[in-house]
C-alpha atoms as a PDB file:
ATOM      1  CA  MET A   1     262.664 -30.392  83.128  1.00  0.00           C
ATOM      2  CA  LEU A   2     258.859 -30.506  83.067  1.00  0.00           C
ATOM      3  CA  SER A   3     256.546 -32.288  85.484  1.00  0.00           C
ATOM      4  CA  LYS A   4     252.735 -32.333  85.479  1.00  0.00           C
ATOM      5  CA  SER A   5     250.063 -33.037  88.059  1.00  0.00           C
ATOM      6  CA  THR A   6     246.383 -32.439  88.812  1.00  0.00           C
ATOM      7  CA  GLN A   7     245.016 -31.197  92.105  1.00  0.00           C
ATOM      8  CA  GLY A   8     241.861 -29.818  93.665  1.00  0.00           C
ATOM      9  CA  ILE A   9     238.640 -28.835  91.934  1.00  0.00           C
ATOM     10  CA  ALA A  10     238.219 -25.608  89.957  1.00  0.00           C
ATOM     11  CA  PRO A  11     234.917 -23.691  89.669  1.00  0.00           C
ATOM     12  CA  ASP A  12     234.105 -25.604  86.464  1.00  0.00           C
ATOM     13  CA  GLY A  13     234.150 -28.892  88.390  1.00  0.00           C
ATOM     14  CA  GLN A  14     237.394 -30.136  86.849  1.00  0.00           C
ATOM     15  CA  SER A  15     240.805 -30.488  88.474  1.00  0.00           C
ATOM     16  CA  PHE A  16     243.423 -27.772  88.259  1.00  0.00           C
ATOM     17  CA  GLN A  17     246.294 -28.798  85.973  1.00  0.00           C
ATOM     18  CA  LEU A  18     249.710 -27.892  87.362  1.00  0.00           C
ATOM     19  CA  PHE A  19     252.999 -27.694  85.468  1.00  0.00           C
ATOM     20  CA  THR A  20     256.444 -27.324  87.036  1.00  0.00           C
ATOM     21  CA  LEU A  21     259.528 -26.259  85.069  1.00  0.00           C
ATOM     22  CA  SER A  22     262.981 -26.565  86.620  1.00  0.00           C
ATOM     23  CA  ASN A  23     266.530 -25.988  85.405  1.00  0.00           C
ATOM     24  CA  ALA A  24     270.008 -27.255  86.268  1.00  0.00           C
ATOM     25  CA  THR A  25     270.607 -24.497  88.836  1.00  0.00           C
ATOM     26  CA  GLY A  26     267.638 -25.717  90.880  1.00  0.00           C
ATOM     27  CA  MET A  27     265.332 -22.824  90.006  1.00  0.00           C
ATOM     28  CA  SER A  28     261.709 -23.812  89.412  1.00  0.00           C
ATOM     29  CA  ILE A  29     258.447 -22.181  88.423  1.00  0.00           C
ATOM     30  CA  GLN A  30     254.952 -23.618  88.763  1.00  0.00           C
ATOM     31  CA  LEU A  31     252.074 -22.767  86.432  1.00  0.00           C
ATOM     32  CA  MET A  32     248.360 -23.540  86.352  1.00  0.00           C
ATOM     33  CA  ASP A  33     245.835 -23.726  83.535  1.00  0.00           C
ATOM     34  CA  TRP A  34     243.183 -21.831  85.537  1.00  0.00           C
ATOM     35  CA  GLY A  35     243.862 -18.208  84.601  1.00  0.00           C
ATOM     36  CA  ALA A  36     247.125 -19.302  82.935  1.00  0.00           C
ATOM     37  CA  THR A  37     248.520 -18.438  86.351  1.00  0.00           C
ATOM     38  CA  TRP A  38     252.132 -18.220  87.528  1.00  0.00           C
ATOM     39  CA  LEU A  39     251.841 -19.896  90.938  1.00  0.00           C
ATOM     40  CA  SER A  40     255.383 -20.099  92.243  1.00  0.00           C
ATOM     41  CA  CYS A  41     258.936 -18.999  91.499  1.00  0.00           C
ATOM     42  CA  LYS A  42     261.733 -20.502  93.569  1.00  0.00           C
ATOM     43  CA  VAL A  43     265.217 -19.090  92.999  1.00  0.00           C
ATOM     44  CA  PRO A  44     268.525 -20.381  94.424  1.00  0.00           C
ATOM     45  CA  VAL A  45     269.923 -17.808  96.855  1.00  0.00           C
ATOM     46  CA  GLN A  46     272.833 -18.531  99.180  1.00  0.00           C
ATOM     47  CA  HIS A  47     272.512 -22.301  98.585  1.00  0.00           C
ATOM     48  CA  GLN A  48     268.798 -22.337  99.386  1.00  0.00           C
ATOM     49  CA  LEU A  49     265.646 -22.028  97.295  1.00  0.00           C
ATOM     50  CA  ARG A  50     263.746 -18.811  97.977  1.00  0.00           C
ATOM     51  CA  GLU A  51     260.097 -18.285  97.016  1.00  0.00           C
ATOM     52  CA  VAL A  52     259.828 -14.834  95.393  1.00  0.00           C
ATOM     53  CA  LEU A  53     256.193 -14.889  94.204  1.00  0.00           C
ATOM     54  CA  LEU A  54     253.185 -14.176  96.402  1.00  0.00           C
ATOM     55  CA  GLY A  55     250.642 -16.985  96.308  1.00  0.00           C
ATOM     56  CA  CYS A  56     247.844 -18.720  98.172  1.00  0.00           C
ATOM     57  CA  GLN A  57     246.490 -22.218  98.626  1.00  0.00           C
ATOM     58  CA  LEU A  58     245.215 -23.688  95.376  1.00  0.00           C
ATOM     59  CA  GLU A  59     241.534 -23.643  96.294  1.00  0.00           C
ATOM     60  CA  ASP A  60     241.800 -19.946  97.176  1.00  0.00           C
ATOM     61  CA  TYR A  61     242.936 -18.777  93.742  1.00  0.00           C
ATOM     62  CA  PRO A  62     239.411 -18.515  92.296  1.00  0.00           C
ATOM     63  CA  LYS A  63     238.325 -16.570  95.414  1.00  0.00           C
ATOM     64  CA  GLN A  64     241.155 -14.039  95.784  1.00  0.00           C
ATOM     65  CA  GLN A  65     240.561 -10.726  94.050  1.00  0.00           C
ATOM     66  CA  VAL A  66     244.065  -9.325  93.616  1.00  0.00           C
ATOM     67  CA  TYR A  67     244.983 -11.340  90.470  1.00  0.00           C
ATOM     68  CA  LEU A  68     247.858 -13.291  92.065  1.00  0.00           C
ATOM     69  CA  GLY A  69     250.129 -14.379  89.190  1.00  0.00           C
ATOM     70  CA  ALA A  70     247.235 -14.408  86.719  1.00  0.00           C
ATOM     71  CA  THR A  71     247.163 -13.667  83.010  1.00  0.00           C
ATOM     72  CA  VAL A  72     244.842 -10.667  82.672  1.00  0.00           C
ATOM     73  CA  GLY A  73     242.904  -9.479  79.622  1.00  0.00           C
ATOM     74  CA  ARG A  74     241.382  -8.606  77.297  1.00  0.00           C
ATOM     75  CA  TYR A  75     242.518  -5.268  78.603  1.00  0.00           C
ATOM     76  CA  ALA A  76     244.882  -5.080  81.562  1.00  0.00           C
ATOM     77  CA  ASN A  77     244.343  -2.103  83.862  1.00  0.00           C
ATOM     78  CA  ARG A  78     241.353   0.250  83.757  1.00  0.00           C
ATOM     79  CA  ILE A  79     238.958   1.436  81.064  1.00  0.00           C
ATOM     80  CA  ALA A  80     237.087   4.495  82.343  1.00  0.00           C
ATOM     81  CA  ASN A  81     233.333   4.025  82.814  1.00  0.00           C
ATOM     82  CA  GLY A  82     233.600   0.667  81.059  1.00  0.00           C
ATOM     83  CA  GLN A  83     233.122   2.231  77.654  1.00  0.00           C
ATOM     84  CA  PHE A  84     234.903   3.719  74.653  1.00  0.00           C
ATOM     85  CA  ARG A  85     234.247   4.873  71.089  1.00  0.00           C
ATOM     86  CA  LEU A  86     235.435   2.737  68.176  1.00  0.00           C
ATOM     87  CA  ASN A  87     234.578   3.120  64.489  1.00  0.00           C
ATOM     88  CA  GLY A  88     231.788   5.573  65.285  1.00  0.00           C
ATOM     89  CA  GLN A  89     230.127   3.364  67.892  1.00  0.00           C
ATOM     90  CA  THR A  90     230.054   3.497  71.686  1.00  0.00           C
ATOM     91  CA  ILE A  91     231.104   0.121  73.094  1.00  0.00           C
ATOM     92  CA  GLN A  92     229.806  -0.701  76.581  1.00  0.00           C
ATOM     93  CA  LEU A  93     231.836  -3.181  78.617  1.00  0.00           C
ATOM     94  CA  SER A  94     231.002  -4.996  81.831  1.00  0.00           C
ATOM     95  CA  VAL A  95     232.189  -3.094  84.900  1.00  0.00           C
ATOM     96  CA  ASN A  96     233.784  -4.560  88.016  1.00  0.00           C
ATOM     97  CA  HIS A  97     235.707  -1.699  89.634  1.00  0.00           C
ATOM     98  CA  ARG A  98     233.151   0.886  90.726  1.00  0.00           C
ATOM     99  CA  ALA A  99     231.942   2.373  87.419  1.00  0.00           C
ATOM    100  CA  HIS A 100     234.994   1.146  85.512  1.00  0.00           C
ATOM    101  CA  GLN A 101     236.338  -2.044  84.009  1.00  0.00           C
ATOM    102  CA  LEU A 102     239.520  -3.450  85.549  1.00  0.00           C
ATOM    103  CA  HIS A 103     241.632  -6.248  84.040  1.00  0.00           C
ATOM    104  CA  GLY A 104     238.974  -7.465  81.601  1.00  0.00           C
ATOM    105  CA  GLY A 105     235.866  -7.513  83.766  1.00  0.00           C
ATOM    106  CA  LYS A 106     234.071  -9.862  86.138  1.00  0.00           C
ATOM    107  CA  THR A 107     235.004 -13.006  84.197  1.00  0.00           C
ATOM    108  CA  GLY A 108     238.204 -11.865  82.545  1.00  0.00           C
ATOM    109  CA  PHE A 109     241.018 -14.114  81.412  1.00  0.00           C
ATOM    110  CA  ASP A 110     242.223 -14.577  85.006  1.00  0.00           C
ATOM    111  CA  CYS A 111     239.140 -16.621  85.962  1.00  0.00           C
ATOM    112  CA  GLN A 112     238.816 -18.839  82.909  1.00  0.00           C
ATOM    113  CA  ARG A 113     240.302 -22.232  82.177  1.00  0.00           C
ATOM    114  CA  TRP A 114     242.980 -22.032  79.511  1.00  0.00           C
ATOM    115  CA  GLN A 115     243.757 -25.010  77.299  1.00  0.00           C
ATOM    116  CA  LEU A 116     247.166 -26.630  77.242  1.00  0.00           C
ATOM    117  CA  GLU A 117     248.383 -25.965  73.700  1.00  0.00           C
ATOM    118  CA  LYS A 118     251.801 -27.611  73.975  1.00  0.00           C
ATOM    119  CA  CYS A 119     254.669 -28.035  76.406  1.00  0.00           C
ATOM    120  CA  GLY A 120     258.267 -29.203  76.543  1.00  0.00           C
ATOM    121  CA  ASP A 121     261.211 -29.483  78.904  1.00  0.00           C
ATOM    122  CA  ASP A 122     261.542 -25.718  79.298  1.00  0.00           C
ATOM    123  CA  PHE A 123     258.165 -24.212  78.286  1.00  0.00           C
ATOM    124  CA  VAL A 124     254.394 -24.428  78.675  1.00  0.00           C
ATOM    125  CA  CYS A 125     251.952 -22.814  76.214  1.00  0.00           C
ATOM    126  CA  PHE A 126     248.292 -22.146  77.069  1.00  0.00           C
ATOM    127  CA  SER A 127     245.559 -20.896  74.727  1.00  0.00           C
ATOM    128  CA  LEU A 128     242.159 -19.299  75.213  1.00  0.00           C
ATOM    129  CA  PHE A 129     239.287 -18.427  72.881  1.00  0.00           C
ATOM    130  CA  SER A 130     237.357 -15.274  73.770  1.00  0.00           C
ATOM    131  CA  PRO A 131     234.130 -14.986  71.700  1.00  0.00           C
ATOM    132  CA  ASP A 132     232.700 -11.810  70.226  1.00  0.00           C
ATOM    133  CA  GLY A 133     230.952  -9.884  73.010  1.00  0.00           C
ATOM    134  CA  ASP A 134     233.002 -11.423  75.841  1.00  0.00           C
ATOM    135  CA  GLN A 135     232.772  -8.818  78.654  1.00  0.00           C
ATOM    136  CA  GLY A 136     231.490  -6.464  75.950  1.00  0.00           C
ATOM    137  CA  PHE A 137     234.577  -6.552  73.732  1.00  0.00           C
ATOM    138  CA  PRO A 138     234.094  -6.842  69.965  1.00  0.00           C
ATOM    139  CA  GLY A 139     235.482  -9.707  67.889  1.00  0.00           C
ATOM    140  CA  ASN A 140     236.437 -13.342  68.237  1.00  0.00           C
ATOM    141  CA  LEU A 141     239.874 -13.458  69.847  1.00  0.00           C
ATOM    142  CA  THR A 142     242.342 -16.334  70.102  1.00  0.00           C
ATOM    143  CA  THR A 143     245.133 -15.834  72.642  1.00  0.00           C
ATOM    144  CA  ARG A 144     248.257 -17.796  73.546  1.00  0.00           C
ATOM    145  CA  VAL A 145     250.634 -17.316  76.446  1.00  0.00           C
ATOM    146  CA  THR A 146     253.931 -19.194  76.654  1.00  0.00           C
ATOM    147  CA  TYR A 147     256.019 -19.431  79.804  1.00  0.00           C
ATOM    148  CA  SER A 148     259.623 -20.594  79.488  1.00  0.00           C
ATOM    149  CA  LEU A 149     262.484 -21.032  81.948  1.00  0.00           C
ATOM    150  CA  THR A 150     266.103 -20.728  80.828  1.00  0.00           C
ATOM    151  CA  GLU A 151     269.261 -22.146  82.333  1.00  0.00           C
ATOM    152  CA  GLU A 152     270.252 -18.550  83.151  1.00  0.00           C
ATOM    153  CA  ASN A 153     267.364 -18.242  85.663  1.00  0.00           C
ATOM    154  CA  CYS A 154     265.241 -16.166  83.319  1.00  0.00           C
ATOM    155  CA  VAL A 155     261.473 -16.541  83.043  1.00  0.00           C
ATOM    156  CA  GLU A 156     260.133 -15.368  79.682  1.00  0.00           C
ATOM    157  CA  ILE A 157     256.424 -14.789  79.056  1.00  0.00           C
ATOM    158  CA  GLN A 158     255.289 -14.441  75.435  1.00  0.00           C
ATOM    159  CA  PHE A 159     251.821 -13.314  74.394  1.00  0.00           C
ATOM    160  CA  GLU A 160     250.336 -13.840  70.954  1.00  0.00           C
ATOM    161  CA  ALA A 161     246.767 -13.065  69.901  1.00  0.00           C
ATOM    162  CA  GLU A 162     244.603 -12.377  66.858  1.00  0.00           C
ATOM    163  CA  CYS A 163     241.078 -10.976  66.577  1.00  0.00           C
ATOM    164  CA  ASP A 164     238.680 -10.818  63.602  1.00  0.00           C
ATOM    165  CA  GLN A 165     237.564  -7.286  64.557  1.00  0.00           C
ATOM    166  CA  ALA A 166     239.286  -4.160  65.797  1.00  0.00           C
ATOM    167  CA  THR A 167     239.392  -4.355  69.585  1.00  0.00           C
ATOM    168  CA  PRO A 168     241.280  -3.092  72.637  1.00  0.00           C
ATOM    169  CA  LEU A 169     243.952  -5.626  73.526  1.00  0.00           C
ATOM    170  CA  ASN A 170     246.408  -5.372  76.388  1.00  0.00           C
ATOM    171  CA  LEU A 171     247.705  -8.569  77.992  1.00  0.00           C
ATOM    172  CA  THR A 172     249.977  -8.892  81.000  1.00  0.00           C
ATOM    173  CA  ASN A 173     250.926 -11.126  83.907  1.00  0.00           C
ATOM    174  CA  HIS A 174     249.992  -9.942  87.394  1.00  0.00           C
ATOM    175  CA  ALA A 175     252.697 -11.586  89.500  1.00  0.00           C
ATOM    176  CA  TYR A 176     253.543  -9.983  92.838  1.00  0.00           C
ATOM    177  CA  PHE A 177     257.219 -10.172  93.753  1.00  0.00           C
ATOM    178  CA  ASN A 178     258.867 -10.120  97.149  1.00  0.00           C
ATOM    179  CA  LEU A 179     262.560 -10.882  96.815  1.00  0.00           C
ATOM    180  CA  ASN A 180     263.111 -11.239 100.557  1.00  0.00           C
ATOM    181  CA  ASN A 181     260.134 -13.276 101.746  1.00  0.00           C
ATOM    182  CA  ALA A 182     257.162 -14.019  99.517  1.00  0.00           C
ATOM    183  CA  GLU A 183     255.812 -16.927 101.552  1.00  0.00           C
ATOM    184  CA  LEU A 184     254.840 -15.194 104.777  1.00  0.00           C
ATOM    185  CA  GLY A 185     255.274 -11.688 103.459  1.00  0.00           C
ATOM    186  CA  GLU A 186     257.553  -8.803 104.317  1.00  0.00           C
ATOM    187  CA  ASP A 187     257.147  -5.111 103.561  1.00  0.00           C
ATOM    188  CA  ILE A 188     258.535  -4.502 100.056  1.00  0.00           C
ATOM    189  CA  ARG A 189     259.022  -0.793 100.582  1.00  0.00           C
ATOM    190  CA  ALA A 190     262.566  -1.576 101.741  1.00  0.00           C
ATOM    191  CA  HIS A 191     263.279  -3.044  98.281  1.00  0.00           C
ATOM    192  CA  TYR A 192     265.199  -0.940  95.786  1.00  0.00           C
ATOM    193  CA  LEU A 193     263.781  -0.095  92.370  1.00  0.00           C
ATOM    194  CA  GLN A 194     265.060   1.433  89.142  1.00  0.00           C
ATOM    195  CA  ILE A 195     262.868   2.187  86.107  1.00  0.00           C
ATOM    196  CA  ASN A 196     264.062   3.190  82.647  1.00  0.00           C
ATOM    197  CA  ALA A 197     261.362   5.843  82.192  1.00  0.00           C
ATOM    198  CA  ASP A 198     261.353   9.620  81.862  1.00  0.00           C
ATOM    199  CA  GLN A 199     257.548   9.963  82.052  1.00  0.00           C
ATOM    200  CA  TYR A 200     254.709   8.655  84.201  1.00  0.00           C
ATOM    201  CA  LEU A 201     250.919   8.887  84.024  1.00  0.00           C
ATOM    202  CA  PRO A 202     249.025  10.629  86.863  1.00  0.00           C
ATOM    203  CA  VAL A 203     245.720   9.045  87.942  1.00  0.00           C
ATOM    204  CA  ASN A 204     242.806  10.038  90.167  1.00  0.00           C
ATOM    205  CA  GLN A 205     241.725   8.160  93.296  1.00  0.00           C
ATOM    206  CA  GLU A 206     239.969   5.512  91.155  1.00  0.00           C
ATOM    207  CA  GLY A 207     243.131   4.832  89.133  1.00  0.00           C
ATOM    208  CA  ILE A 208     241.847   6.551  85.987  1.00  0.00           C
ATOM    209  CA  PRO A 209     244.298   8.772  84.063  1.00  0.00           C
ATOM    210  CA  CYS A 210     243.507  12.390  84.891  1.00  0.00           C
ATOM    211  CA  SER A 211     246.042  14.208  82.708  1.00  0.00           C
ATOM    212  CA  GLY A 212     248.636  13.588  80.051  1.00  0.00           C
ATOM    213  CA  LEU A 213     252.023  12.013  80.652  1.00  0.00           C
ATOM    214  CA  LYS A 214     254.297  14.007  82.949  1.00  0.00           C
ATOM    215  CA  PRO A 215     258.095  14.100  83.407  1.00  0.00           C
ATOM    216  CA  VAL A 216     259.342  12.127  86.414  1.00  0.00           C
ATOM    217  CA  GLN A 217     262.079  14.660  87.056  1.00  0.00           C
ATOM    218  CA  GLY A 218     261.613  16.458  90.355  1.00  0.00           C
ATOM    219  CA  THR A 219     258.860  14.097  91.536  1.00  0.00           C
ATOM    220  CA  SER A 220     258.564  11.008  93.721  1.00  0.00           C
ATOM    221  CA  PHE A 221     258.117   9.031  90.489  1.00  0.00           C
ATOM    222  CA  ASP A 222     261.745   9.474  89.452  1.00  0.00           C
ATOM    223  CA  PHE A 223     263.293   5.993  89.557  1.00  0.00           C
ATOM    224  CA  ARG A 224     265.855   6.613  86.824  1.00  0.00           C
ATOM    225  CA  ASP A 225     268.507   6.025  89.469  1.00  0.00           C
ATOM    226  CA  MET A 226     267.932   3.145  91.847  1.00  0.00           C
ATOM    227  CA  LYS A 227     266.363   4.127  95.160  1.00  0.00           C
ATOM    228  CA  SER A 228     264.408   2.466  97.918  1.00  0.00           C
ATOM    229  CA  ILE A 229     260.665   2.357  97.321  1.00  0.00           C
ATOM    230  CA  GLU A 230     260.064   3.865 100.766  1.00  0.00           C
ATOM    231  CA  LYS A 231     262.290   6.897 100.099  1.00  0.00           C
ATOM    232  CA  ASP A 232     259.592   9.050  98.478  1.00  0.00           C
ATOM    233  CA  PHE A 233     256.584   6.929  99.404  1.00  0.00           C
ATOM    234  CA  LEU A 234     253.128   8.521  99.658  1.00  0.00           C
ATOM    235  CA  GLN A 235     254.270  11.797  98.143  1.00  0.00           C
ATOM    236  CA  ASP A 236     252.704  13.717  95.259  1.00  0.00           C
ATOM    237  CA  GLU A 237     249.696  11.982  93.643  1.00  0.00           C
ATOM    238  CA  GLN A 238     250.527   8.657  95.308  1.00  0.00           C
ATOM    239  CA  ILE A 239     248.411   9.599  98.302  1.00  0.00           C
ATOM    240  CA  LEU A 240     245.254   9.253  96.177  1.00  0.00           C
ATOM    241  CA  VAL A 241     245.818   5.508  95.683  1.00  0.00           C
ATOM    242  CA  LYS A 242     247.771   4.651  98.886  1.00  0.00           C
ATOM    243  CA  GLY A 243     251.111   4.308  97.116  1.00  0.00           C
ATOM    244  CA  TYR A 244     252.435   3.584  93.659  1.00  0.00           C
ATOM    245  CA  ASP A 245     249.810   2.312  91.221  1.00  0.00           C
ATOM    246  CA  HIS A 246     250.954   4.175  88.141  1.00  0.00           C
ATOM    247  CA  ALA A 247     252.089   3.553  84.591  1.00  0.00           C
ATOM    248  CA  PHE A 248     255.568   4.565  83.491  1.00  0.00           C
ATOM    249  CA  LEU A 249     256.189   5.090  79.775  1.00  0.00           C
ATOM    250  CA  LEU A 250     259.353   3.116  79.135  1.00  0.00           C
ATOM    251  CA  ASN A 251     262.168   4.695  77.186  1.00  0.00           C
ATOM    252  CA  GLN A 252     262.388   3.148  73.756  1.00  0.00           C
ATOM    253  CA  ASP A 253     265.979   1.892  73.953  1.00  0.00           C
ATOM    254  CA  LYS A 254     264.793  -1.706  74.071  1.00  0.00           C
ATOM    255  CA  GLU A 255     268.325  -3.067  74.371  1.00  0.00           C
ATOM    256  CA  HIS A 256     268.349  -1.713  77.904  1.00  0.00           C
ATOM    257  CA  ILE A 257     266.694  -3.154  80.989  1.00  0.00           C
ATOM    258  CA  SER A 258     263.214  -1.755  81.630  1.00  0.00           C
ATOM    259  CA  ALA A 259     263.366  -2.088  85.416  1.00  0.00           C
ATOM    260  CA  ILE A 260     265.522  -3.532  88.192  1.00  0.00           C
ATOM    261  CA  LEU A 261     264.168  -4.657  91.558  1.00  0.00           C
ATOM    262  CA  SER A 262     266.599  -5.484  94.349  1.00  0.00           C
ATOM    263  CA  ALA A 263     265.940  -7.230  97.655  1.00  0.00           C
ATOM    264  CA  ALA A 264     266.277  -5.021 100.706  1.00  0.00           C
ATOM    265  CA  ASP A 265     269.450  -6.843 101.771  1.00  0.00           C
ATOM    266  CA  GLY A 266     270.869  -6.993  98.243  1.00  0.00           C
ATOM    267  CA  SER A 267     270.803 -10.807  98.206  1.00  0.00           C
ATOM    268  CA  LEU A 268     268.726 -11.082  95.014  1.00  0.00           C
ATOM    269  CA  ARG A 269     268.085  -8.914  91.984  1.00  0.00           C
ATOM    270  CA  LEU A 270     265.353  -9.055  89.337  1.00  0.00           C
ATOM    271  CA  GLN A 271     265.877  -7.453  85.926  1.00  0.00           C
ATOM    272  CA  VAL A 272     262.786  -6.867  83.800  1.00  0.00           C
ATOM    273  CA  SER A 273     262.919  -6.307  80.038  1.00  0.00           C
ATOM    274  CA  THR A 274     259.978  -6.163  77.651  1.00  0.00           C
ATOM    275  CA  SER A 275     258.653  -5.285  74.210  1.00  0.00           C
ATOM    276  CA  GLN A 276     255.707  -3.488  75.855  1.00  0.00           C
ATOM    277  CA  PRO A 277     255.554   0.327  75.904  1.00  0.00           C
ATOM    278  CA  ALA A 278     254.785   0.816  79.592  1.00  0.00           C
ATOM    279  CA  LEU A 279     255.224  -0.606  83.072  1.00  0.00           C
ATOM    280  CA  GLN A 280     252.499  -0.429  85.714  1.00  0.00           C
ATOM    281  CA  VAL A 281     254.112  -0.376  89.148  1.00  0.00           C
ATOM    282  CA  TYR A 282     251.729  -1.442  91.922  1.00  0.00           C
ATOM    283  CA  THR A 283     253.074  -1.625  95.459  1.00  0.00           C
ATOM    284  CA  GLY A 284     250.334  -3.888  96.797  1.00  0.00           C
ATOM    285  CA  ASN A 285     248.416  -0.997  98.354  1.00  0.00           C
ATOM    286  CA  PHE A 286     245.284  -3.094  98.919  1.00  0.00           C
ATOM    287  CA  LEU A 287     246.685  -6.575  99.615  1.00  0.00           C
ATOM    288  CA  ALA A 288     245.502  -6.693 103.232  1.00  0.00           C
ATOM    289  CA  GLY A 289     243.286  -9.704 103.878  1.00  0.00           C
ATOM    290  CA  THR A 290     244.546 -11.713 100.884  1.00  0.00           C
ATOM    291  CA  LEU A 291     245.179 -15.284 102.007  1.00  0.00           C
ATOM    292  CA  ASN A 292     248.745 -16.591 101.730  1.00  0.00           C
ATOM    293  CA  ARG A 293     249.948 -20.165 101.239  1.00  0.00           C
ATOM    294  CA  PHE A 294     249.588 -20.967 104.949  1.00  0.00           C
ATOM    295  CA  GLY A 295     246.026 -19.791 105.482  1.00  0.00           C
ATOM    296  CA  SER A 296     246.984 -16.538 107.162  1.00  0.00           C
ATOM    297  CA  CYS A 297     246.865 -13.192 105.386  1.00  0.00           C
ATOM    298  CA  TYR A 298     249.168 -10.839 103.563  1.00  0.00           C
ATOM    299  CA  GLN A 299     249.143  -7.202 104.566  1.00  0.00           C
ATOM    300  CA  ASP A 300     249.376  -4.119 102.382  1.00  0.00           C
ATOM    301  CA  TYR A 301     252.759  -3.556 100.715  1.00  0.00           C
ATOM    302  CA  MET A 302     253.934  -7.172 101.013  1.00  0.00           C
ATOM    303  CA  GLY A 303     254.340  -7.585  97.247  1.00  0.00           C
ATOM    304  CA  ILE A 304     255.072  -5.447  94.208  1.00  0.00           C
ATOM    305  CA  ALA A 305     253.572  -6.053  90.770  1.00  0.00           C
ATOM    306  CA  LEU A 306     255.618  -4.985  87.744  1.00  0.00           C
ATOM    307  CA  GLU A 307     253.017  -5.260  84.986  1.00  0.00           C
ATOM    308  CA  THR A 308     254.368  -4.713  81.476  1.00  0.00           C
ATOM    309  CA  GLN A 309     251.557  -3.417  79.269  1.00  0.00           C
ATOM    310  CA  ALA A 310     250.087  -0.555  77.253  1.00  0.00           C
ATOM    311  CA  LEU A 311     248.953   2.616  78.982  1.00  0.00           C
ATOM    312  CA  PRO A 312     245.715   2.355  81.010  1.00  0.00           C
ATOM    313  CA  ASP A 313     242.484   3.608  79.444  1.00  0.00           C
ATOM    314  CA  THR A 314     244.116   3.782  76.005  1.00  0.00           C
ATOM    315  CA  PRO A 315     240.765   3.024  74.245  1.00  0.00           C
ATOM    316  CA  ASN A 316     239.602   6.470  75.419  1.00  0.00           C
ATOM    317  CA  HIS A 317     242.832   8.216  74.400  1.00  0.00           C
ATOM    318  CA  PRO A 318     243.391   8.053  70.628  1.00  0.00           C
ATOM    319  CA  GLU A 319     246.567  10.093  71.142  1.00  0.00           C
ATOM    320  CA  TRP A 320     248.106   6.979  72.758  1.00  0.00           C
ATOM    321  CA  TRP A 321     246.952   4.414  70.173  1.00  0.00           C
ATOM    322  CA  THR A 322     250.321   4.472  68.405  1.00  0.00           C
ATOM    323  CA  LEU A 323     251.887   3.232  71.659  1.00  0.00           C
ATOM    324  CA  GLY A 324     249.804   0.043  71.660  1.00  0.00           C
ATOM    325  CA  GLY A 325     246.622  -1.180  73.310  1.00  0.00           C
ATOM    326  CA  MET A 326     244.398  -1.245  70.208  1.00  0.00           C
ATOM    327  CA  SER A 327     244.490  -4.183  67.796  1.00  0.00           C
ATOM    328  CA  GLN A 328     243.196  -4.185  64.229  1.00  0.00           C
ATOM    329  CA  ALA A 329     241.225  -7.006  62.599  1.00  0.00           C
ATOM    330  CA  GLY A 330     243.524  -9.827  61.506  1.00  0.00           C
ATOM    331  CA  GLU A 331     246.587  -8.194  63.053  1.00  0.00           C
ATOM    332  CA  THR A 332     248.836 -10.458  65.118  1.00  0.00           C
ATOM    333  CA  TYR A 333     249.511  -9.143  68.603  1.00  0.00           C
ATOM    334  CA  ARG A 334     252.925 -10.192  69.917  1.00  0.00           C
ATOM    335  CA  HIS A 335     254.702  -9.095  73.078  1.00  0.00           C
ATOM    336  CA  TRP A 336     257.267 -10.566  75.458  1.00  0.00           C
ATOM    337  CA  THR A 337     258.586  -9.904  78.938  1.00  0.00           C
ATOM    338  CA  ARG A 338     261.675 -11.399  80.582  1.00  0.00           C
ATOM    339  CA  PHE A 339     262.252 -11.675  84.329  1.00  0.00           C
ATOM    340  CA  HIS A 340     265.922 -12.431  84.997  1.00  0.00           C
ATOM    341  CA  PHE A 341     266.963 -13.337  88.542  1.00  0.00           C
ATOM    342  CA  SER A 342     270.539 -13.076  89.811  1.00  0.00           C
ATOM    343  CA  SER A 343     272.137 -13.137  93.242  1.00  0.00           C
END
């Protein structure tokens, strides 16, 4: 079932448009056209609805800087020094993360109003036009993101885009999950996590890849068997970025689940599957001070983002281009991610 409403005033002077999808089990998700944002996800657990998505009050979304539930692009994650070489030219992007570009720049897709393309009882589709030169990226780009909710308590996010020039392209959703308590917040390091990945990507203290892919075996990045996030926390290179903020190259057996997140008490489980090549795991290392829905603040490690995407800084690593992250002129970009909740 779909319901619509308007509320508040966005930075462009118009009201936010809100869309709520619900199914027969009682599960519901709420979406917003500003940033094509996933605002809320309430899942039935033990005969009650549990909020599992971090969020804030509506008027605080344009102010918060941690990308709560937002659609990010053109390029999710970091591009080193805000520049790259393409077709013999050096392309300079806007920078917003020290000397680097993060999640598309200062006015990336997360802080733009998307247009409602179409909607139905179980889906909402938003679209956005990004002109040539937007944040420094080449080409006119048209993007669509479709959220759908199934009767099996699965949220599917589909991305589709096309550009008239070759360009970096890497779209994702930046939801933060807390399967125990996402409203007031609770340390997610007691959650359990499993990732279907044999390799991870080391980064320096600014989150920029500093070497090639490495095997997870024998490191704190080995989540091939489920373990608590806190078990090997702040070991190895994690200490540079206060925790996990690393890309894992997913194994290519796409019939299998990419990742499983379990609540600390085992009351709820989230299975993630995707067509994307990699998963960025971010344990909310710098969430402190982010306003929650009640006007107080989240602290560090109160949410975990499981961002399905291409590898970070791919535009500067031609050896990774075959894995995704670079789109050719006229090529249709299509990717999907499914978040399946079960108790």
